Protein backbone atom coordinates (compact mmCIF):
# COMPACT_ATOMS: atom_id res chain seq x y z
CA UNK A 1 18.14 62.68 -122.64
CA UNK A 2 21.64 63.92 -123.47
CA UNK A 3 24.57 62.34 -121.67
CA UNK A 4 25.40 65.57 -119.84
CA UNK A 5 21.84 65.74 -118.54
CA UNK A 6 22.04 62.14 -117.38
CA UNK A 7 25.18 62.91 -115.36
CA UNK A 8 23.52 65.96 -113.76
CA UNK A 9 20.54 63.84 -112.75
CA UNK A 10 22.79 61.08 -111.42
CA UNK A 11 24.80 63.47 -109.27
CA UNK A 12 21.76 65.29 -107.91
CA UNK A 13 20.05 62.07 -106.88
CA UNK A 14 23.18 60.52 -105.33
CA UNK A 15 23.09 57.51 -107.58
CA UNK A 16 26.07 55.18 -107.60
CA UNK A 17 28.08 56.47 -110.53
CA UNK A 18 30.18 54.06 -112.61
CA UNK A 19 33.91 54.32 -111.97
CA UNK A 20 36.12 54.64 -115.05
CA UNK A 21 37.88 51.37 -115.80
CA UNK A 22 41.24 53.13 -115.73
CA UNK A 23 40.56 54.30 -112.18
CA UNK A 24 39.53 50.80 -111.11
CA UNK A 25 42.76 49.45 -112.56
CA UNK A 26 44.84 52.11 -110.85
CA UNK A 27 43.31 51.13 -107.50
CA UNK A 28 43.99 47.45 -108.12
CA UNK A 29 47.58 48.21 -109.17
CA UNK A 30 48.13 50.38 -106.09
CA UNK A 31 46.96 47.58 -103.81
CA UNK A 32 49.20 45.17 -105.70
CA UNK A 33 52.21 47.43 -105.16
CA UNK A 34 51.42 47.87 -101.47
CA UNK A 35 50.92 44.17 -100.71
CA UNK A 36 53.28 42.38 -103.10
CA UNK A 37 55.87 44.96 -104.09
CA UNK A 38 56.69 45.86 -107.68
CA UNK A 39 54.15 46.10 -110.45
CA UNK A 40 51.77 43.58 -112.01
CA UNK A 41 52.24 42.04 -115.44
CA UNK A 42 48.94 43.63 -116.43
CA UNK A 43 45.51 44.73 -115.22
CA UNK A 44 42.22 43.41 -116.60
CA UNK A 45 38.57 44.35 -116.03
CA UNK A 46 35.30 42.46 -116.43
CA UNK A 47 31.80 43.87 -115.99
CA UNK A 48 28.88 43.02 -113.80
CA UNK A 49 25.64 42.25 -115.60
CA UNK A 50 21.92 42.60 -115.41
CA UNK A 51 19.54 40.22 -117.13
CA UNK A 52 16.87 42.14 -119.01
CA UNK A 53 14.59 39.12 -119.07
CA UNK A 54 14.84 35.32 -118.88
CA UNK A 55 15.22 34.43 -115.21
CA UNK A 56 15.74 30.90 -113.89
CA UNK A 57 15.69 29.38 -117.38
CA UNK A 58 19.38 29.62 -118.32
CA UNK A 59 20.27 26.35 -116.61
CA UNK A 60 17.68 24.40 -118.65
CA UNK A 61 19.25 25.65 -121.90
CA UNK A 62 16.70 28.34 -122.77
CA UNK A 63 17.41 31.75 -124.25
CA UNK A 64 18.06 34.70 -121.95
CA UNK A 65 18.83 38.36 -122.55
CA UNK A 66 21.59 39.80 -120.34
CA UNK A 67 23.79 42.82 -120.94
CA UNK A 68 26.97 44.08 -119.31
CA UNK A 69 26.93 46.98 -116.86
CA UNK A 70 29.41 49.87 -116.66
CA UNK A 71 30.29 48.69 -113.13
CA UNK A 72 33.28 46.35 -113.25
CA UNK A 73 35.96 44.41 -111.37
CA UNK A 74 39.68 44.94 -111.96
CA UNK A 75 42.40 42.37 -111.28
CA UNK A 76 46.11 43.17 -111.27
CA UNK A 77 48.06 39.97 -111.94
CA UNK A 78 51.69 38.89 -111.91
CA UNK A 79 53.08 35.45 -112.74
CA UNK A 80 55.89 34.04 -110.62
CA UNK A 81 57.81 30.77 -110.48
CA UNK A 82 56.73 29.68 -107.00
CA UNK A 83 53.90 27.19 -106.57
CA UNK A 84 51.78 29.70 -104.69
CA UNK A 85 48.68 31.77 -105.33
CA UNK A 86 48.45 34.98 -103.32
CA UNK A 87 45.41 37.21 -103.54
CA UNK A 88 44.15 40.36 -101.85
CA UNK A 89 41.15 42.62 -102.37
CA UNK A 90 40.21 46.16 -101.39
CA UNK A 91 36.75 44.81 -100.56
CA UNK A 92 37.87 42.19 -98.02
CA UNK A 93 40.13 42.29 -95.00
CA UNK A 94 41.17 38.68 -95.45
CA UNK A 95 43.51 37.69 -98.24
CA UNK A 96 44.34 34.13 -99.21
CA UNK A 97 47.51 32.24 -99.97
CA UNK A 98 47.85 28.64 -101.00
CA UNK A 99 49.04 26.21 -103.65
CA UNK A 100 47.18 24.18 -106.24
CA UNK A 101 46.69 21.27 -103.85
CA UNK A 102 44.78 23.58 -101.50
CA UNK A 103 42.07 24.18 -104.10
CA UNK A 104 39.16 21.73 -103.92
CA UNK A 105 35.37 21.71 -103.65
CA UNK A 106 34.41 24.43 -101.12
CA UNK A 107 38.09 25.33 -100.65
CA UNK A 108 39.05 28.10 -100.31
CA UNK A 109 35.88 29.58 -98.89
CA UNK A 110 34.52 33.06 -99.45
CA UNK A 111 35.57 35.44 -102.18
CA UNK A 112 38.93 33.70 -102.67
CA UNK A 113 37.18 30.62 -104.04
CA UNK A 114 35.94 32.57 -107.05
CA UNK A 115 39.53 33.54 -107.89
CA UNK A 116 41.43 30.37 -106.99
CA UNK A 117 38.80 28.21 -108.67
CA UNK A 118 39.55 29.74 -112.06
CA UNK A 119 43.12 28.47 -112.63
CA UNK A 120 42.04 25.14 -111.08
CA UNK A 121 39.22 24.85 -113.66
CA UNK A 122 41.47 26.03 -116.50
CA UNK A 123 43.87 23.17 -115.80
CA UNK A 124 41.02 20.71 -115.28
CA UNK A 125 39.78 21.52 -118.80
CA UNK A 126 43.33 21.76 -120.27
CA UNK A 127 42.92 25.42 -121.17
CA UNK A 128 46.34 25.88 -119.57
CA UNK A 129 48.86 23.19 -118.68
CA UNK A 130 49.19 23.71 -114.92
CA UNK A 131 48.12 25.93 -112.08
CA UNK A 132 50.63 28.77 -112.18
CA UNK A 133 52.08 30.81 -109.37
CA UNK A 134 50.15 34.09 -109.32
CA UNK A 135 49.87 37.29 -107.33
CA UNK A 136 46.43 38.89 -107.74
CA UNK A 137 45.02 42.15 -106.37
CA UNK A 138 41.34 42.99 -106.82
CA UNK A 139 39.31 46.19 -106.81
CA UNK A 140 35.64 46.34 -107.82
CA UNK A 141 32.73 48.73 -108.31
CA UNK A 142 30.17 45.94 -108.75
CA UNK A 143 28.01 45.83 -105.60
CA UNK A 144 28.35 42.49 -103.82
CA UNK A 145 25.22 40.56 -102.98
CA UNK A 146 23.12 42.72 -105.29
CA UNK A 147 22.37 40.07 -107.91
CA UNK A 148 24.55 41.87 -110.47
CA UNK A 149 27.11 39.06 -110.86
CA UNK A 150 30.05 40.45 -108.97
CA UNK A 151 31.28 36.86 -108.74
CA UNK A 152 31.21 36.31 -112.52
CA UNK A 153 33.01 39.62 -113.05
CA UNK A 154 35.77 38.48 -110.70
CA UNK A 155 36.03 35.06 -112.32
CA UNK A 156 35.99 36.46 -115.86
CA UNK A 157 38.65 39.11 -115.26
CA UNK A 158 40.87 36.45 -113.68
CA UNK A 159 40.31 33.97 -116.51
CA UNK A 160 41.06 36.51 -119.23
CA UNK A 161 44.22 37.61 -117.43
CA UNK A 162 45.51 34.05 -117.13
CA UNK A 163 44.57 33.24 -120.73
CA UNK A 164 46.45 36.23 -122.12
CA UNK A 165 49.47 35.71 -119.88
CA UNK A 166 49.76 32.05 -120.89
CA UNK A 167 48.84 32.32 -124.56
CA UNK A 168 45.38 30.70 -124.50
CA UNK A 169 42.86 31.78 -127.12
CA UNK A 170 40.85 34.92 -126.36
CA UNK A 171 38.81 35.34 -129.55
CA UNK A 172 35.07 34.67 -129.26
CA UNK A 173 35.59 30.90 -129.34
CA UNK A 174 38.32 31.25 -126.73
CA UNK A 175 36.09 33.38 -124.54
CA UNK A 176 33.39 30.73 -124.73
CA UNK A 177 35.97 28.30 -123.40
CA UNK A 178 36.91 30.71 -120.62
CA UNK A 179 33.24 31.09 -119.68
CA UNK A 180 33.02 27.31 -119.36
CA UNK A 181 36.06 27.34 -117.08
CA UNK A 182 34.53 30.07 -114.90
CA UNK A 183 31.29 28.09 -114.64
CA UNK A 184 33.25 25.05 -113.46
CA UNK A 185 35.07 27.17 -110.90
CA UNK A 186 31.80 28.45 -109.46
CA UNK A 187 29.97 25.14 -109.60
CA UNK A 188 32.75 22.93 -108.22
CA UNK A 189 35.08 25.05 -106.10
CA UNK A 190 32.59 27.61 -104.78
CA UNK A 191 29.68 25.18 -104.75
CA UNK A 192 27.12 27.55 -106.32
CA UNK A 193 24.86 25.81 -108.85
CA UNK A 194 24.70 28.68 -111.31
CA UNK A 195 24.22 28.50 -115.07
CA UNK A 196 26.50 30.03 -117.69
CA UNK A 197 24.72 33.28 -118.46
CA UNK A 198 26.72 35.54 -116.16
CA UNK A 199 30.18 34.45 -117.27
CA UNK A 200 29.15 34.46 -120.93
CA UNK A 201 28.00 38.05 -120.94
CA UNK A 202 30.94 39.23 -118.80
CA UNK A 203 33.35 37.80 -121.38
CA UNK A 204 31.39 38.34 -124.62
CA UNK A 205 29.13 41.40 -124.25
CA UNK A 206 28.99 44.19 -126.84
CA UNK A 207 28.43 47.81 -125.80
CA UNK A 208 25.05 49.19 -126.78
CA UNK A 209 23.57 45.71 -127.19
CA UNK A 210 21.64 43.12 -125.26
CA UNK A 211 22.91 39.57 -125.70
CA UNK A 212 20.30 36.99 -126.71
CA UNK A 213 22.15 33.97 -125.40
CA UNK A 214 21.09 30.44 -126.25
CA UNK A 215 22.14 28.56 -123.15
CA UNK A 216 21.92 25.18 -124.89
CA UNK A 217 24.63 26.05 -127.43
CA UNK A 218 26.01 29.33 -126.02
CA UNK A 219 25.50 30.93 -129.40
CA UNK A 220 24.63 34.62 -129.19
CA UNK A 221 22.65 37.18 -131.14
CA UNK A 222 23.36 40.82 -130.32
CA UNK A 223 20.31 43.10 -130.30
CA UNK A 224 20.77 46.89 -130.46
CA UNK A 225 19.64 48.28 -127.14
CA UNK A 226 19.94 52.01 -126.51
CA UNK A 227 17.14 53.52 -124.47
CA UNK A 228 18.19 57.15 -124.83
CA UNK A 229 16.83 57.97 -128.32
CA UNK A 230 13.41 56.84 -127.08
CA UNK A 231 13.62 59.06 -124.00
CA UNK A 232 13.88 56.01 -121.77
CA UNK A 233 16.33 54.76 -119.16
CA UNK A 234 17.01 51.60 -117.20
CA UNK A 235 17.41 51.93 -113.46
CA UNK A 236 18.82 49.26 -111.16
CA UNK A 237 17.41 49.39 -107.63
CA UNK A 238 19.77 47.60 -105.26
CA UNK A 239 17.59 46.81 -102.26
CA UNK A 240 20.65 46.12 -100.10
CA UNK A 241 18.94 42.92 -99.01
CA UNK A 242 21.84 40.66 -99.90
CA UNK A 243 21.27 37.25 -101.45
CA UNK A 244 23.50 34.18 -101.37
CA UNK A 245 23.17 31.63 -104.13
CA UNK A 246 25.02 29.00 -102.13
CA UNK A 247 22.16 29.00 -99.61
CA UNK A 248 19.32 26.52 -100.03
CA UNK A 249 16.60 28.61 -101.69
CA UNK A 250 18.19 28.95 -105.11
CA UNK A 251 19.25 25.31 -105.26
CA UNK A 252 15.78 24.11 -104.30
CA UNK A 253 14.11 26.21 -107.00
CA UNK A 254 16.64 25.08 -109.58
CA UNK A 255 16.07 21.42 -108.76
CA UNK A 256 12.32 21.90 -109.12
CA UNK A 257 12.74 23.62 -112.48
CA UNK A 258 15.03 20.88 -113.77
CA UNK A 259 12.79 18.12 -112.44
CA UNK A 260 9.57 19.36 -114.00
CA UNK A 261 11.20 20.33 -117.31
CA UNK A 262 12.66 16.83 -117.64
CA UNK A 263 9.08 15.61 -118.14
CA UNK A 264 8.42 17.91 -121.10
CA UNK A 265 9.57 17.39 -124.70
CA UNK A 266 11.78 20.25 -125.81
CA UNK A 267 9.35 21.08 -128.61
CA UNK A 268 6.57 21.60 -126.05
CA UNK A 269 8.76 23.86 -123.92
CA UNK A 270 9.62 26.15 -126.81
CA UNK A 271 7.20 25.74 -129.69
CA UNK A 272 3.71 25.23 -128.25
CA UNK A 273 2.02 28.57 -127.59
CA UNK A 274 -0.80 26.91 -125.65
CA UNK A 275 0.72 27.07 -122.18
CA UNK A 276 -2.30 25.51 -120.51
CA UNK A 277 -2.16 22.53 -122.85
CA UNK A 278 1.50 21.95 -122.01
CA UNK A 279 0.71 22.19 -118.31
CA UNK A 280 -1.99 19.58 -118.74
CA UNK A 281 0.33 17.24 -120.65
CA UNK A 282 2.97 17.56 -117.95
CA UNK A 283 0.66 15.73 -115.56
CA UNK A 284 2.20 17.57 -112.62
CA UNK A 285 -0.07 16.76 -109.69
CA UNK A 286 1.96 18.86 -107.28
CA UNK A 287 0.56 22.44 -107.50
CA UNK A 288 4.01 23.86 -106.71
CA UNK A 289 5.54 22.03 -109.66
CA UNK A 290 2.73 23.21 -111.93
CA UNK A 291 3.49 26.79 -110.93
CA UNK A 292 7.21 26.23 -111.56
CA UNK A 293 6.49 24.91 -115.03
CA UNK A 294 4.13 27.80 -115.76
CA UNK A 295 6.92 30.23 -114.91
CA UNK A 296 9.33 28.45 -117.25
CA UNK A 297 6.86 28.30 -120.13
CA UNK A 298 5.76 31.92 -119.84
CA UNK A 299 9.28 33.25 -119.25
CA UNK A 300 10.59 31.54 -122.38
CA UNK A 301 7.83 33.23 -124.36
CA UNK A 302 8.49 36.61 -122.72
CA UNK A 303 12.13 36.41 -123.84
CA UNK A 304 11.00 35.75 -127.42
CA UNK A 305 8.59 38.70 -127.27
CA UNK A 306 11.28 41.00 -125.87
CA UNK A 307 13.69 39.97 -128.64
CA UNK A 308 11.04 40.82 -131.24
CA UNK A 309 10.52 44.22 -129.61
CA UNK A 310 14.24 45.05 -129.61
CA UNK A 311 14.69 43.94 -133.21
CA UNK A 312 11.97 46.40 -134.21
CA UNK A 313 13.27 49.17 -131.94
CA UNK A 314 10.14 49.14 -129.75
CA UNK A 315 11.92 49.29 -126.41
CA UNK A 316 8.87 50.56 -124.52
CA UNK A 317 7.09 47.31 -125.38
CA UNK A 318 9.53 45.48 -123.11
CA UNK A 319 8.08 47.22 -120.04
CA UNK A 320 4.95 45.07 -119.58
CA UNK A 321 7.06 41.96 -120.16
CA UNK A 322 9.30 42.92 -117.24
CA UNK A 323 6.33 43.35 -114.94
CA UNK A 324 4.79 40.04 -116.03
CA UNK A 325 8.14 38.36 -115.39
CA UNK A 326 8.22 39.73 -111.85
CA UNK A 327 4.69 38.52 -111.12
CA UNK A 328 5.68 35.06 -112.34
CA UNK A 329 8.89 35.00 -110.31
CA UNK A 330 7.01 36.21 -107.25
CA UNK A 331 3.88 34.04 -107.45
CA UNK A 332 4.82 30.96 -109.47
CA UNK A 333 8.52 30.39 -108.76
CA UNK A 334 8.39 32.18 -105.37
CA UNK A 335 11.92 33.60 -105.46
CA UNK A 336 11.19 37.25 -104.73
CA UNK A 337 11.40 38.96 -101.35
CA UNK A 338 9.47 41.71 -99.53
CA UNK A 339 12.26 44.18 -100.32
CA UNK A 340 12.16 43.35 -104.03
CA UNK A 341 8.36 43.46 -104.20
CA UNK A 342 8.35 46.83 -102.45
CA UNK A 343 10.90 48.26 -104.90
CA UNK A 344 9.02 46.95 -107.95
CA UNK A 345 5.64 48.18 -106.70
CA UNK A 346 7.05 51.61 -105.86
CA UNK A 347 8.62 51.98 -109.32
CA UNK A 348 5.41 50.97 -111.08
CA UNK A 349 3.25 53.27 -108.95
CA UNK A 350 5.63 56.15 -109.74
CA UNK A 351 5.25 55.62 -113.49
CA UNK A 352 7.77 52.95 -114.57
CA UNK A 353 6.86 51.25 -117.83
CA UNK A 354 7.82 47.94 -116.26
CA UNK A 355 9.91 46.52 -113.43
CA UNK A 356 11.05 43.19 -112.07
CA UNK A 357 13.47 41.50 -109.72
CA UNK A 358 16.68 40.31 -111.37
CA UNK A 359 19.13 37.57 -110.54
CA UNK A 360 18.60 34.39 -108.57
CA UNK A 361 16.22 36.03 -106.11
CA UNK A 362 15.77 36.07 -102.33
CA UNK A 363 17.18 39.61 -102.22
CA UNK A 364 19.39 41.63 -104.52
CA UNK A 365 18.17 44.11 -107.11
CA UNK A 366 15.23 45.12 -109.26
CA UNK A 367 15.34 46.60 -112.75
CA UNK A 368 12.93 49.31 -113.92
CA UNK A 369 12.34 50.61 -117.45
CA UNK A 370 11.40 54.25 -117.03
CA UNK A 371 10.98 57.49 -118.89
CA UNK A 372 14.06 59.64 -118.42
CA UNK A 373 12.07 62.51 -116.94
CA UNK A 374 10.72 60.18 -114.21
CA UNK A 375 14.09 59.12 -112.78
CA UNK A 376 13.86 61.39 -109.75
CA UNK A 377 10.26 60.51 -108.98
CA UNK A 378 10.96 56.79 -109.09
CA UNK A 379 14.08 57.04 -106.96
CA UNK A 380 12.26 59.02 -104.31
CA UNK A 381 9.28 56.65 -104.41
CA UNK A 382 11.52 53.61 -103.95
CA UNK A 383 13.39 55.25 -101.09
CA UNK A 384 10.18 56.27 -99.36
CA UNK A 385 8.61 52.83 -99.72
CA UNK A 386 11.71 51.11 -98.32
CA UNK A 387 11.84 53.52 -95.40
CA UNK A 388 8.13 53.15 -94.63
CA UNK A 389 8.49 49.35 -94.69
CA UNK A 390 11.49 49.37 -92.37
CA UNK A 391 13.83 48.05 -95.08
CA UNK A 392 17.41 49.20 -95.81
CA UNK A 393 17.71 52.30 -97.98
CA UNK A 394 18.25 51.16 -101.57
CA UNK A 395 21.03 52.27 -103.89
CA UNK A 396 20.45 53.19 -107.52
CA UNK A 397 22.66 52.40 -110.50
CA UNK A 398 22.69 53.26 -114.20
CA UNK A 399 22.00 50.25 -116.44
CA UNK A 400 23.76 51.11 -119.70
CA UNK A 401 24.75 48.17 -121.97
CA UNK A 402 28.55 48.11 -121.79
CA UNK A 403 31.65 46.27 -123.00
CA UNK A 404 33.02 42.83 -122.16
CA UNK A 405 36.14 41.92 -120.21
CA UNK A 406 39.38 43.41 -121.55
CA UNK A 407 42.97 44.21 -120.68
CA UNK A 408 43.36 47.87 -119.76
CA UNK A 409 47.16 47.93 -119.36
């Protein structure tokens, strides 16, 4: 499907269109001017992400396959000599102001923790010498609570801005360091036990590629990933059933994954194709833990199969892997939700080649690999199923592999 045709379809179906990064930055700069006076020292953007496959295995050091979305967060930033951080956002009525001593575990709360935690973590790791005085204004097109890493986009844009303003490295090695700092900010200050996938792809993505990220070393292989020549498209279905990773469900599942994987030699996790034999060797008497391990083992192997498919240009072959991943997340790990299951089932019944929930689970979004000429049918099917089930009406976004965080002006 030609780009012009895609845009016509998007407009007709009232999908959420990506906002040009320059427009995002203009909105952030306008808020900055209105709230702080004068102009910022610069404006930076970082993208949201979707994970093609490899869910709930990043934090055990496995390989995952995210890519950046065209939806992004912009931060307008100015350095000043006062020991104060001031931040505002178009998406929140409440701003925040404080000094470095006010930043601590679970402080500040809410969206401000994702911003304030970044300079705190950068000084903790000696990426910069001290917490600077900063004015920050934020504007975003990444849906919040949709499982598309709006938090990592906010952290990554902030980290890149501070790094460039204070002369820290921003090459690939430097961006790996910044991703580490963002992870610390989210883990310690926000209190969300997330892995490093989201921040890594926000800072290091390549347009037109999926990122095969080894979460044990944070090395990356970039796999060409353009659906359009094959007549395919990727559709994000935001169920508008918001999830919160700082709630108990995600943390409980993560602890189970880490606990059961600690019993298994790394070679068995990755190299033994006999999943049932590994399950037997694990000696997991608890049926729930056996199901958790089965998800991990099969998901690791689905990532490998998807990478093989992309290397050979067989994008359609990824479809069944997505569906199998969803079944595993739903039945073995038990992190799906009725809204997600309804969206996935509707997409598959309307002709999707594959579909699955994405993100930490318990709400958020689903991803469907579809033929371009089925976009309208699948959107209408998902809307109808949500309405018939009494769920919120979903939103629909274009999933086009996009660029990493950058300075716009």
